[in-house]
C-alpha atoms as a PDB file:
ATOM      1  CA  MET A   1      -0.007   0.068  -0.350  1.00  0.00           C
ATOM      2  CA  GLY A   2       2.848   2.503   1.211  1.00  0.00           C
ATOM      3  CA  LEU A   3       4.456   1.898  -2.564  1.00  0.00           C
ATOM      4  CA  ILE A   4       1.169   2.667  -4.087  1.00  0.00           C
ATOM      5  CA  THR A   5       0.763   5.562  -2.453  1.00  0.00           C
ATOM      6  CA  GLY A   6       4.585   6.935  -3.395  1.00  0.00           C
ATOM      7  CA  VAL A   7       4.169   6.035  -6.793  1.00  0.00           C
ATOM      8  CA  VAL A   8       0.543   8.069  -7.142  1.00  0.00           C
ATOM      9  CA  ALA A   9       1.868  11.006  -5.480  1.00  0.00           C
ATOM     10  CA  PHE A  10       5.172  10.522  -7.820  1.00  0.00           C
ATOM     11  CA  PHE A  11       3.015  11.008 -10.866  1.00  0.00           C
ATOM     12  CA  TYR A  12       0.702  13.698  -9.354  1.00  0.00           C
ATOM     13  CA  HIS A  13       3.869  16.374  -8.641  1.00  0.00           C
ATOM     14  CA  LEU A  14       4.626  14.675 -12.603  1.00  0.00           C
ATOM     15  CA  PRO A  15       4.004  18.382 -13.637  1.00  0.00           C
ATOM     16  CA  GLN A  16       6.307  19.965 -10.743  1.00  0.00           C
ATOM     17  CA  ILE A  17       8.857  17.991 -11.139  1.00  0.00           C
ATOM     18  CA  TYR A  18       9.131  18.482 -14.793  1.00  0.00           C
ATOM     19  CA  LYS A  19       9.066  22.368 -14.217  1.00  0.00           C
ATOM     20  CA  TRP A  20      11.469  22.950 -11.718  1.00  0.00           C
ATOM     21  CA  LEU A  21      14.135  19.653 -13.193  1.00  0.00           C
ATOM     22  CA  PHE A  22      15.632  21.456 -15.927  1.00  0.00           C
ATOM     23  CA  LYS A  23      16.020  24.676 -14.866  1.00  0.00           C
ATOM     24  CA  PRO A  24      19.985  25.535 -14.585  1.00  0.00           C
ATOM     25  CA  TYR A  25      20.356  25.328 -10.997  1.00  0.00           C
ATOM     26  CA  TYR A  26      19.066  21.824 -10.207  1.00  0.00           C
ATOM     27  CA  ILE A  27      20.688  20.549 -13.640  1.00  0.00           C
ATOM     28  CA  LEU A  28      24.095  21.729 -12.009  1.00  0.00           C
ATOM     29  CA  SER A  29      22.776  20.062  -8.737  1.00  0.00           C
ATOM     30  CA  THR A  30      22.224  16.841 -10.196  1.00  0.00           C
ATOM     31  CA  LEU A  31      25.464  16.612 -11.909  1.00  0.00           C
ATOM     32  CA  MET A  32      27.508  17.700  -8.577  1.00  0.00           C
ATOM     33  CA  SER A  33      25.565  15.011  -6.095  1.00  0.00           C
ATOM     34  CA  THR A  34      25.896  12.007  -8.907  1.00  0.00           C
ATOM     35  CA  ALA A  35      29.714  13.162  -9.592  1.00  0.00           C
ATOM     36  CA  PHE A  36      31.460   9.943  -7.487  1.00  0.00           C
ATOM     37  CA  LEU A  37      28.967   7.850  -8.990  1.00  0.00           C
ATOM     38  CA  ILE A  38      29.706   8.803 -12.362  1.00  0.00           C
ATOM     39  CA  LEU A  39      33.244   8.802 -12.369  1.00  0.00           C
ATOM     40  CA  ARG A  40      33.063   5.454 -10.558  1.00  0.00           C
ATOM     41  CA  LYS A  41      31.088   3.581 -13.299  1.00  0.00           C
ATOM     42  CA  CYS A  42      32.212   5.336 -16.288  1.00  0.00           C
ATOM     43  CA  PRO A  43      33.685   3.335 -19.107  1.00  0.00           C
ATOM     44  CA  GLY A  44      37.263   5.103 -19.917  1.00  0.00           C
ATOM     45  CA  LEU A  45      36.914   7.050 -16.057  1.00  0.00           C
ATOM     46  CA  CYS A  46      36.968   4.060 -13.651  1.00  0.00           C
ATOM     47  CA  GLU A  47      39.805   2.366 -15.260  1.00  0.00           C
ATOM     48  CA  ASN A  48      42.968   4.667 -13.017  1.00  0.00           C
ATOM     49  CA  LEU A  49      40.793   4.775 -10.196  1.00  0.00           C
ATOM     50  CA  ASN A  50      41.733   3.239  -6.807  1.00  0.00           C
ATOM     51  CA  THR A  51      39.833   0.811  -4.726  1.00  0.00           C
ATOM     52  CA  GLU A  52      39.936  -1.737  -2.472  1.00  0.00           C
ATOM     53  CA  ARG A  53      37.648  -4.149  -3.356  1.00  0.00           C
ATOM     54  CA  GLU A  54      39.638  -8.124  -3.154  1.00  0.00           C
ATOM     55  CA  ASP A  55      39.028  -8.432  -6.544  1.00  0.00           C
ATOM     56  CA  ARG A  56      40.216  -5.237  -7.704  1.00  0.00           C
ATOM     57  CA  ASN A  57      37.848  -4.144 -10.006  1.00  0.00           C
ATOM     58  CA  PRO A  58      37.824  -0.264  -9.801  1.00  0.00           C
ATOM     59  CA  CYS A  59      34.904   0.296 -11.759  1.00  0.00           C
ATOM     60  CA  ASP A  60      32.660  -0.705  -8.571  1.00  0.00           C
ATOM     61  CA  PHE A  61      32.028   0.124  -5.135  1.00  0.00           C
ATOM     62  CA  ASP A  62      34.141  -1.356  -2.305  1.00  0.00           C
ATOM     63  CA  TRP A  63      32.435  -1.960   1.085  1.00  0.00           C
ATOM     64  CA  ARG A  64      33.231   1.843   2.500  1.00  0.00           C
ATOM     65  CA  GLU A  65      31.704   3.125  -0.353  1.00  0.00           C
ATOM     66  CA  VAL A  66      29.154   1.233  -0.151  1.00  0.00           C
ATOM     67  CA  GLU A  67      28.551   1.887   4.100  1.00  0.00           C
ATOM     68  CA  ILE A  68      29.088   5.730   3.031  1.00  0.00           C
ATOM     69  CA  LEU A  69      26.323   5.494   0.398  1.00  0.00           C
ATOM     70  CA  MET A  70      23.849   3.553   3.020  1.00  0.00           C
ATOM     71  CA  PHE A  71      24.722   6.203   6.223  1.00  0.00           C
ATOM     72  CA  LEU A  72      23.752   8.853   2.995  1.00  0.00           C
ATOM     73  CA  GLY A  73      20.350   7.710   2.282  1.00  0.00           C
ATOM     74  CA  ALA A  74      19.387   6.744   6.187  1.00  0.00           C
ATOM     75  CA  ILE A  75      20.553  10.665   7.146  1.00  0.00           C
ATOM     76  CA  VAL A  76      18.701  12.336   3.392  1.00  0.00           C
ATOM     77  CA  MET A  77      15.182  10.165   4.747  1.00  0.00           C
ATOM     78  CA  MET A  78      15.718  10.941   8.507  1.00  0.00           C
ATOM     79  CA  LYS A  79      16.011  14.867   6.775  1.00  0.00           C
ATOM     80  CA  ASN A  80      12.865  14.483   4.877  1.00  0.00           C
ATOM     81  CA  ARG A  81      10.829  13.076   7.193  1.00  0.00           C
ATOM     82  CA  ARG A  82       9.700  17.017   7.853  1.00  0.00           C
ATOM     83  CA  ALA A  83      10.180  18.468   4.508  1.00  0.00           C
ATOM     84  CA  ILE A  84       6.941  19.808   2.845  1.00  0.00           C
ATOM     85  CA  THR A  85       7.775  20.864  -0.550  1.00  0.00           C
ATOM     86  CA  ILE A  86       9.674  19.028  -3.609  1.00  0.00           C
ATOM     87  CA  GLU A  87      11.978  21.524  -3.195  1.00  0.00           C
ATOM     88  CA  GLN A  88      13.075  20.611   0.431  1.00  0.00           C
ATOM     89  CA  HIS A  89      12.923  17.264  -0.595  1.00  0.00           C
ATOM     90  CA  ALA A  90      14.991  17.944  -3.494  1.00  0.00           C
ATOM     91  CA  GLY A  91      17.505  20.634  -1.316  1.00  0.00           C
ATOM     92  CA  ASN A  92      18.329  17.927   1.931  1.00  0.00           C
ATOM     93  CA  LEU A  93      19.068  15.333  -1.148  1.00  0.00           C
ATOM     94  CA  PHE A  94      21.230  17.459  -2.968  1.00  0.00           C
ATOM     95  CA  MET A  95      23.056  19.171   0.464  1.00  0.00           C
ATOM     96  CA  PHE A  96      23.911  15.731   1.957  1.00  0.00           C
ATOM     97  CA  SER A  97      24.821  13.573  -1.298  1.00  0.00           C
ATOM     98  CA  LYS A  98      27.646  16.658  -2.314  1.00  0.00           C
ATOM     99  CA  VAL A  99      28.845  16.070   1.506  1.00  0.00           C
ATOM    100  CA  ALA A 100      28.976  12.173   0.889  1.00  0.00           C
ATOM    101  CA  ASN A 101      31.031  12.938  -2.450  1.00  0.00           C
ATOM    102  CA  VAL A 102      33.243  15.547  -0.906  1.00  0.00           C
ATOM    103  CA  ILE A 103      34.138  12.473   2.121  1.00  0.00           C
ATOM    104  CA  LEU A 104      34.428   9.687  -1.143  1.00  0.00           C
ATOM    105  CA  PHE A 105      36.495  11.672  -3.341  1.00  0.00           C
ATOM    106  CA  PHE A 106      39.121  12.898  -0.273  1.00  0.00           C
ATOM    107  CA  ARG A 107      38.958   9.482   0.658  1.00  0.00           C
ATOM    108  CA  LEU A 108      39.362   8.011  -3.221  1.00  0.00           C
ATOM    109  CA  ASP A 109      42.651  10.810  -4.144  1.00  0.00           C
ATOM    110  CA  ILE A 110      43.200  13.725  -1.969  1.00  0.00           C
ATOM    111  CA  ARG A 111      43.523  15.739  -5.206  1.00  0.00           C
ATOM    112  CA  LEU A 112      40.156  14.957  -6.129  1.00  0.00           C
ATOM    113  CA  GLY A 113      38.508  16.071  -2.849  1.00  0.00           C
ATOM    114  CA  ILE A 114      40.323  18.899  -3.074  1.00  0.00           C
ATOM    115  CA  LEU A 115      39.344  19.993  -6.780  1.00  0.00           C
ATOM    116  CA  TYR A 116      35.686  18.649  -5.675  1.00  0.00           C
ATOM    117  CA  PHE A 117      35.439  20.773  -2.656  1.00  0.00           C
ATOM    118  CA  LEU A 118      36.908  23.846  -4.444  1.00  0.00           C
ATOM    119  CA  LEU A 119      33.814  23.114  -7.609  1.00  0.00           C
ATOM    120  CA  CYS A 120      31.456  22.883  -4.260  1.00  0.00           C
ATOM    121  CA  ILE A 121      32.061  26.300  -2.943  1.00  0.00           C
ATOM    122  CA  ALA A 122      32.160  28.057  -6.469  1.00  0.00           C
ATOM    123  CA  PHE A 123      29.024  26.389  -6.915  1.00  0.00           C
ATOM    124  CA  VAL A 124      27.059  28.040  -3.610  1.00  0.00           C
ATOM    125  CA  MET A 125      28.958  31.020  -4.509  1.00  0.00           C
ATOM    126  CA  THR A 126      27.475  31.804  -8.151  1.00  0.00           C
ATOM    127  CA  CYS A 127      24.224  29.293  -8.293  1.00  0.00           C
ATOM    128  CA  LYS A 128      21.348  30.257  -6.227  1.00  0.00           C
ATOM    129  CA  PRO A 129      17.777  28.023  -5.830  1.00  0.00           C
ATOM    130  CA  PRO A 130      15.407  29.559  -8.461  1.00  0.00           C
ATOM    131  CA  LEU A 131      12.952  32.190  -6.380  1.00  0.00           C
ATOM    132  CA  TYR A 132       9.273  31.674  -6.595  1.00  0.00           C
ATOM    133  CA  MET A 133       7.910  33.057  -9.606  1.00  0.00           C
ATOM    134  CA  GLY A 134       4.170  31.259  -9.204  1.00  0.00           C
ATOM    135  CA  PRO A 135       1.074  32.921  -8.857  1.00  0.00           C
ATOM    136  CA  GLU A 136      -0.126  34.545  -5.366  1.00  0.00           C
ATOM    137  CA  TYR A 137      -1.526  37.663  -4.249  1.00  0.00           C
ATOM    138  CA  ILE A 138       1.055  39.085  -1.453  1.00  0.00           C
ATOM    139  CA  LYS A 139       2.043  42.721  -0.999  1.00  0.00           C
ATOM    140  CA  TYR A 140       5.691  43.406  -0.734  1.00  0.00           C
ATOM    141  CA  PHE A 141       5.949  46.051   1.716  1.00  0.00           C
ATOM    142  CA  SER A 142       9.402  48.135   2.288  1.00  0.00           C
ATOM    143  CA  GLU A 143      10.831  49.784   5.456  1.00  0.00           C
ATOM    144  CA  LYS A 144       8.063  52.596   4.351  1.00  0.00           C
ATOM    145  CA  THR A 145       5.276  51.284   3.713  1.00  0.00           C
ATOM    146  CA  ILE A 146       5.083  48.296   6.333  1.00  0.00           C
ATOM    147  CA  ASP A 147       3.753  50.400   9.352  1.00  0.00           C
ATOM    148  CA  GLU A 148       1.286  52.963   6.724  1.00  0.00           C
ATOM    149  CA  GLU A 149      -0.329  49.499   5.844  1.00  0.00           C
ATOM    150  CA  LEU A 150      -0.791  47.632   8.722  1.00  0.00           C
ATOM    151  CA  ASN A 151      -2.179  50.290  10.404  1.00  0.00           C
ATOM    152  CA  HIS A 152      -4.218  51.789   7.277  1.00  0.00           C
ATOM    153  CA  ASP A 153      -7.259  50.384   8.190  1.00  0.00           C
ATOM    154  CA  THR A 154      -7.518  48.710  11.615  1.00  0.00           C
ATOM    155  CA  ARG A 155      -9.931  45.878  10.926  1.00  0.00           C
ATOM    156  CA  VAL A 156      -7.855  44.350   7.965  1.00  0.00           C
ATOM    157  CA  THR A 157      -6.271  41.080   9.481  1.00  0.00           C
ATOM    158  CA  TRP A 158      -2.537  40.788   8.361  1.00  0.00           C
ATOM    159  CA  ILE A 159      -0.487  37.363   7.429  1.00  0.00           C
ATOM    160  CA  VAL A 160       3.053  39.021   7.645  1.00  0.00           C
ATOM    161  CA  GLU A 161       5.839  36.982   6.630  1.00  0.00           C
ATOM    162  CA  PHE A 162       9.538  38.042   6.997  1.00  0.00           C
ATOM    163  CA  TYR A 163      11.857  36.042   4.744  1.00  0.00           C
ATOM    164  CA  ALA A 164      15.239  36.864   3.359  1.00  0.00           C
ATOM    165  CA  ASN A 165      16.316  34.973   0.052  1.00  0.00           C
ATOM    166  CA  TRP A 166      19.577  33.577   1.046  1.00  0.00           C
ATOM    167  CA  ALA A 167      17.268  31.522   3.679  1.00  0.00           C
ATOM    168  CA  PRO A 168      16.707  27.892   2.001  1.00  0.00           C
ATOM    169  CA  GLU A 169      13.532  27.505   4.219  1.00  0.00           C
ATOM    170  CA  CYS A 170      12.187  30.771   2.777  1.00  0.00           C
ATOM    171  CA  GLN A 171      12.907  29.559  -1.188  1.00  0.00           C
ATOM    172  CA  SER A 172      10.813  26.480   0.274  1.00  0.00           C
ATOM    173  CA  PHE A 173       8.306  28.080   2.031  1.00  0.00           C
ATOM    174  CA  ALA A 174       7.528  30.599  -0.819  1.00  0.00           C
ATOM    175  CA  PRO A 175       4.987  28.135  -3.039  1.00  0.00           C
ATOM    176  CA  VAL A 176       3.106  27.794   0.342  1.00  0.00           C
ATOM    177  CA  PHE A 177       2.973  30.904   1.729  1.00  0.00           C
ATOM    178  CA  ALA A 178       2.038  31.623  -1.766  1.00  0.00           C
ATOM    179  CA  ASP A 179      -1.062  28.936  -2.186  1.00  0.00           C
ATOM    180  CA  LEU A 180      -2.512  30.094   1.211  1.00  0.00           C
ATOM    181  CA  SER A 181      -2.742  34.086  -0.349  1.00  0.00           C
ATOM    182  CA  LEU A 182      -4.488  32.715  -3.011  1.00  0.00           C
ATOM    183  CA  LYS A 183      -7.290  30.668  -1.118  1.00  0.00           C
ATOM    184  CA  TYR A 184      -7.565  32.925   1.859  1.00  0.00           C
ATOM    185  CA  ASN A 185      -6.979  36.593   0.624  1.00  0.00           C
ATOM    186  CA  CYS A 186     -10.254  38.560   1.141  1.00  0.00           C
ATOM    187  CA  THR A 187     -11.515  41.945   2.292  1.00  0.00           C
ATOM    188  CA  GLY A 188     -10.348  41.704   5.415  1.00  0.00           C
ATOM    189  CA  LEU A 189      -8.003  39.354   5.727  1.00  0.00           C
ATOM    190  CA  ARG A 190      -4.236  39.903   3.440  1.00  0.00           C
ATOM    191  CA  PHE A 191      -0.757  38.989   2.882  1.00  0.00           C
ATOM    192  CA  GLY A 192       2.327  40.529   3.020  1.00  0.00           C
ATOM    193  CA  LYS A 193       6.211  39.816   3.194  1.00  0.00           C
ATOM    194  CA  ILE A 194       9.042  41.643   4.198  1.00  0.00           C
ATOM    195  CA  ASP A 195      12.461  41.307   3.318  1.00  0.00           C
ATOM    196  CA  ALA A 196      14.017  40.839   6.708  1.00  0.00           C
ATOM    197  CA  GLY A 197      17.780  40.352   5.101  1.00  0.00           C
ATOM    198  CA  ARG A 198      17.591  43.959   3.396  1.00  0.00           C
ATOM    199  CA  TYR A 199      15.463  45.723   5.911  1.00  0.00           C
ATOM    200  CA  GLY A 200      17.368  44.629   8.871  1.00  0.00           C
ATOM    201  CA  GLU A 201      16.008  47.311  11.191  1.00  0.00           C
ATOM    202  CA  VAL A 202      12.260  46.496  10.365  1.00  0.00           C
ATOM    203  CA  ALA A 203      13.475  42.724  11.427  1.00  0.00           C
ATOM    204  CA  GLN A 204      14.591  44.513  14.322  1.00  0.00           C
ATOM    205  CA  LYS A 205      11.646  46.477  15.237  1.00  0.00           C
ATOM    206  CA  TYR A 206       9.354  43.914  15.355  1.00  0.00           C
ATOM    207  CA  LYS A 207      12.005  41.274  16.590  1.00  0.00           C
ATOM    208  CA  VAL A 208      12.850  39.125  13.751  1.00  0.00           C
ATOM    209  CA  SER A 209      16.585  37.497  14.347  1.00  0.00           C
ATOM    210  CA  THR A 210      18.309  37.327  10.552  1.00  0.00           C
ATOM    211  CA  SER A 211      21.346  35.355  12.108  1.00  0.00           C
ATOM    212  CA  PRO A 212      21.191  31.840  10.269  1.00  0.00           C
ATOM    213  CA  LEU A 213      21.653  30.162  13.929  1.00  0.00           C
ATOM    214  CA  ALA A 214      18.670  31.855  15.493  1.00  0.00           C
ATOM    215  CA  LYS A 215      16.381  30.231  13.361  1.00  0.00           C
ATOM    216  CA  GLN A 216      13.735  32.719  13.109  1.00  0.00           C
ATOM    217  CA  LEU A 217      13.485  32.895   9.159  1.00  0.00           C
ATOM    218  CA  PRO A 218      10.928  32.695   7.729  1.00  0.00           C
ATOM    219  CA  SER A 219       8.151  34.448  10.939  1.00  0.00           C
ATOM    220  CA  LEU A 220       4.917  34.539  10.402  1.00  0.00           C
ATOM    221  CA  VAL A 221       3.062  37.008  12.296  1.00  0.00           C
ATOM    222  CA  LEU A 222      -0.581  38.024  12.293  1.00  0.00           C
ATOM    223  CA  PHE A 223      -1.408  41.738  13.015  1.00  0.00           C
ATOM    224  CA  GLN A 224      -4.622  43.429  13.863  1.00  0.00           C
ATOM    225  CA  SER A 225      -5.506  46.728  14.204  1.00  0.00           C
ATOM    226  CA  GLY A 226      -2.048  47.362  13.750  1.00  0.00           C
ATOM    227  CA  ARG A 227      -1.040  44.855  16.710  1.00  0.00           C
ATOM    228  CA  GLU A 228       0.737  42.133  16.727  1.00  0.00           C
ATOM    229  CA  VAL A 229      -1.269  38.954  18.086  1.00  0.00           C
ATOM    230  CA  MET A 230       1.180  35.570  17.944  1.00  0.00           C
ATOM    231  CA  ARG A 231       3.738  34.613  15.751  1.00  0.00           C
ATOM    232  CA  ARG A 232       5.503  31.092  14.606  1.00  0.00           C
ATOM    233  CA  PRO A 233       7.841  29.783  15.083  1.00  0.00           C
ATOM    234  CA  MET A 234       7.457  31.208  18.976  1.00  0.00           C
ATOM    235  CA  VAL A 235      11.186  32.189  20.244  1.00  0.00           C
ATOM    236  CA  ASP A 236      12.694  31.015  23.309  1.00  0.00           C
ATOM    237  CA  ASN A 237      14.365  32.421  26.042  1.00  0.00           C
ATOM    238  CA  LYS A 238      17.623  32.471  24.432  1.00  0.00           C
ATOM    239  CA  PHE A 239      15.891  33.829  21.649  1.00  0.00           C
ATOM    240  CA  ARG A 240      16.492  30.571  19.797  1.00  0.00           C
ATOM    241  CA  ALA A 241      12.851  30.077  17.175  1.00  0.00           C
ATOM    242  CA  VAL A 242      11.416  26.881  18.792  1.00  0.00           C
ATOM    243  CA  SER A 243      11.088  24.039  16.065  1.00  0.00           C
ATOM    244  CA  TRP A 244       8.040  24.263  14.222  1.00  0.00           C
ATOM    245  CA  THR A 245       6.688  23.030  11.173  1.00  0.00           C
ATOM    246  CA  PHE A 246       5.657  25.285   7.942  1.00  0.00           C
ATOM    247  CA  SER A 247       3.011  23.267   6.478  1.00  0.00           C
ATOM    248  CA  GLU A 248      -0.133  24.580   5.199  1.00  0.00           C
ATOM    249  CA  GLU A 249      -1.802  22.234   7.533  1.00  0.00           C
ATOM    250  CA  ASN A 250      -0.095  23.866  10.387  1.00  0.00           C
ATOM    251  CA  ILE A 251      -0.265  27.213   9.242  1.00  0.00           C
ATOM    252  CA  ILE A 252      -4.340  26.841   8.689  1.00  0.00           C
ATOM    253  CA  ARG A 253      -5.058  25.331  11.885  1.00  0.00           C
ATOM    254  CA  GLU A 254      -2.195  27.469  14.627  1.00  0.00           C
ATOM    255  CA  PHE A 255      -4.089  30.940  12.803  1.00  0.00           C
ATOM    256  CA  ASN A 256      -7.106  29.727  12.732  1.00  0.00           C
ATOM    257  CA  LEU A 257      -7.574  30.549   9.467  1.00  0.00           C
ATOM    258  CA  ASN A 258     -10.989  29.069   8.497  1.00  0.00           C
ATOM    259  CA  GLU A 259     -12.558  31.435  10.809  1.00  0.00           C
ATOM    260  CA  LEU A 260     -10.606  33.978  10.466  1.00  0.00           C
ATOM    261  CA  PHE A 261     -11.686  34.070   6.955  1.00  0.00           C
ATOM    262  CA  GLU A 262     -15.342  33.459   7.421  1.00  0.00           C
ATOM    263  CA  ALA A 263     -15.360  36.421   9.445  1.00  0.00           C
ATOM    264  CA  SER A 264     -12.658  38.770   7.119  1.00  0.00           C
ATOM    265  CA  LYS A 265     -14.736  37.991   4.420  1.00  0.00           C
ATOM    266  CA  LYS A 266     -17.618  39.540   5.715  1.00  0.00           C
ATOM    267  CA  ILE A 267     -16.648  42.872   6.168  1.00  0.00           C
ATOM    268  CA  LYS A 268     -17.778  45.393   3.479  1.00  0.00           C
ATOM    269  CA  LYS A 269     -14.958  47.391   0.953  1.00  0.00           C
ATOM    270  CA  GLY A 270     -15.056  51.275   1.286  1.00  0.00           C
ATOM    271  CA  ARG A 271     -15.779  51.633   5.161  1.00  0.00           C
ATOM    272  CA  GLY A 272     -12.208  51.835   6.538  1.00  0.00           C
ATOM    273  CA  VAL A 273     -10.974  54.671   7.556  1.00  0.00           C
ATOM    274  CA  LYS A 274     -10.350  58.176   6.412  1.00  0.00           C
ATOM    275  CA  GLY A 275      -9.010  57.699   3.125  1.00  0.00           C
ATOM    276  CA  GLU A 276      -9.031  54.168   2.866  1.00  0.00           C
ATOM    277  CA  ASP A 277      -8.857  52.600  -0.550  1.00  0.00           C
ATOM    278  CA  GLN A 278     -12.262  51.777  -1.774  1.00  0.00           C
ATOM    279  CA  ASN A 279     -11.020  48.521  -3.013  1.00  0.00           C
ATOM    280  CA  PRO A 280      -8.663  47.628  -0.774  1.00  0.00           C
ATOM    281  CA  SER A 281      -8.275  43.660  -1.937  1.00  0.00           C
ATOM    282  CA  LEU A 282      -6.953  44.949  -4.994  1.00  0.00           C
ATOM    283  CA  PRO A 283      -3.122  45.714  -5.583  1.00  0.00           C
ATOM    284  CA  ASP A 284      -2.530  49.592  -5.715  1.00  0.00           C
ATOM    285  CA  GLU A 285      -1.207  50.927  -8.625  1.00  0.00           C
ATOM    286  CA  GLY A 286       2.731  51.192  -8.716  1.00  0.00           C
ATOM    287  CA  SER A 287       3.142  49.118  -5.548  1.00  0.00           C
ATOM    288  CA  GLU A 288       5.480  46.093  -5.043  1.00  0.00           C
ATOM    289  CA  GLU A 289       2.426  43.404  -4.965  1.00  0.00           C
ATOM    290  CA  ARG A 290       2.593  41.408  -7.215  1.00  0.00           C
ATOM    291  CA  GLN A 291      -0.001  41.038 -10.067  1.00  0.00           C
ATOM    292  CA  PRO A 292      -1.483  37.305 -10.406  1.00  0.00           C
ATOM    293  CA  GLU A 293      -1.543  36.082 -13.559  1.00  0.00           C
ATOM    294  CA  PRO A 294      -4.319  36.764 -15.997  1.00  0.00           C
ATOM    295  CA  ASP A 295      -5.484  32.906 -15.651  1.00  0.00           C
ATOM    296  CA  THR A 296      -5.611  32.981 -11.627  1.00  0.00           C
ATOM    297  CA  PRO A 297      -8.185  34.526  -9.776  1.00  0.00           C
ATOM    298  CA  ALA A 298      -7.155  37.417  -7.606  1.00  0.00           C
ATOM    299  CA  GLU A 299      -8.832  36.450  -5.252  1.00  0.00           C
ATOM    300  CA  SER A 300      -9.822  33.181  -3.842  1.00  0.00           C
ATOM    301  CA  LYS A 301     -12.324  30.824  -4.715  1.00  0.00           C
ATOM    302  CA  LYS A 302     -14.492  31.032  -1.307  1.00  0.00           C
ATOM    303  CA  ASP A 303     -14.656  34.823  -1.728  1.00  0.00           C
ATOM    304  CA  GLN A 304     -16.292  34.781  -4.981  1.00  0.00           C
END
């Protein structure tokens, strides 16, 4: 039954797999992750490699290499238990595969190990995971607009994500947050994002640490009447984030999105504070908010 479920899930996500598989970042990551396998198994290359096999066959794995690969598989399976999106699954696989490749190459030949390690550094510095560019209904704040928008209409509830483009967790969470914005955006419930890595003063004001050690990115903060009501993940007394899974189900449950949506969609447009836009659920012209694609509804189907 588990095998059937896995096969069905694979074919269900097949269009999405094709969508990101042919991007340069993933092509290069796949080559980097399978470099040792290609070198060890490719005829014409493997004949000159060292081996500890009793039969002295240089084109097959020795027992130490098998142990390392089995350990790699176990680590990836453990890490992927908490992965949500296909990008997170692939990211864990690529990262630990490269670590295993470094060990395998150093064990095979220190010169190959140094070369591969330098290639990994160059790859990390020059190749970044592609940013999410799909449909969404999210307003992108700057340091000058966030306070103005949060206090523009006290009836509107905002769910704001503090993120940084350099954080893999934020990149993996982007499609999840975008999907939530398409489902739950309405007149009284809005979704926003601000780049905490770029606007450090804003992050400091709202007590979101951008340090990788704090693990506070991404952070979701719920604002009502311009004031913070709750956030996830929570922060302990050492200013480190309490472990929390950024899945769609967790966010809906923790933020009571279904109840919040039902209450928020009853708010009528054009009755906010003085000077309020008469159509607040639509993006402001010239704002930083991304426009949905032409074939994508601007509001949730629940709101129609």
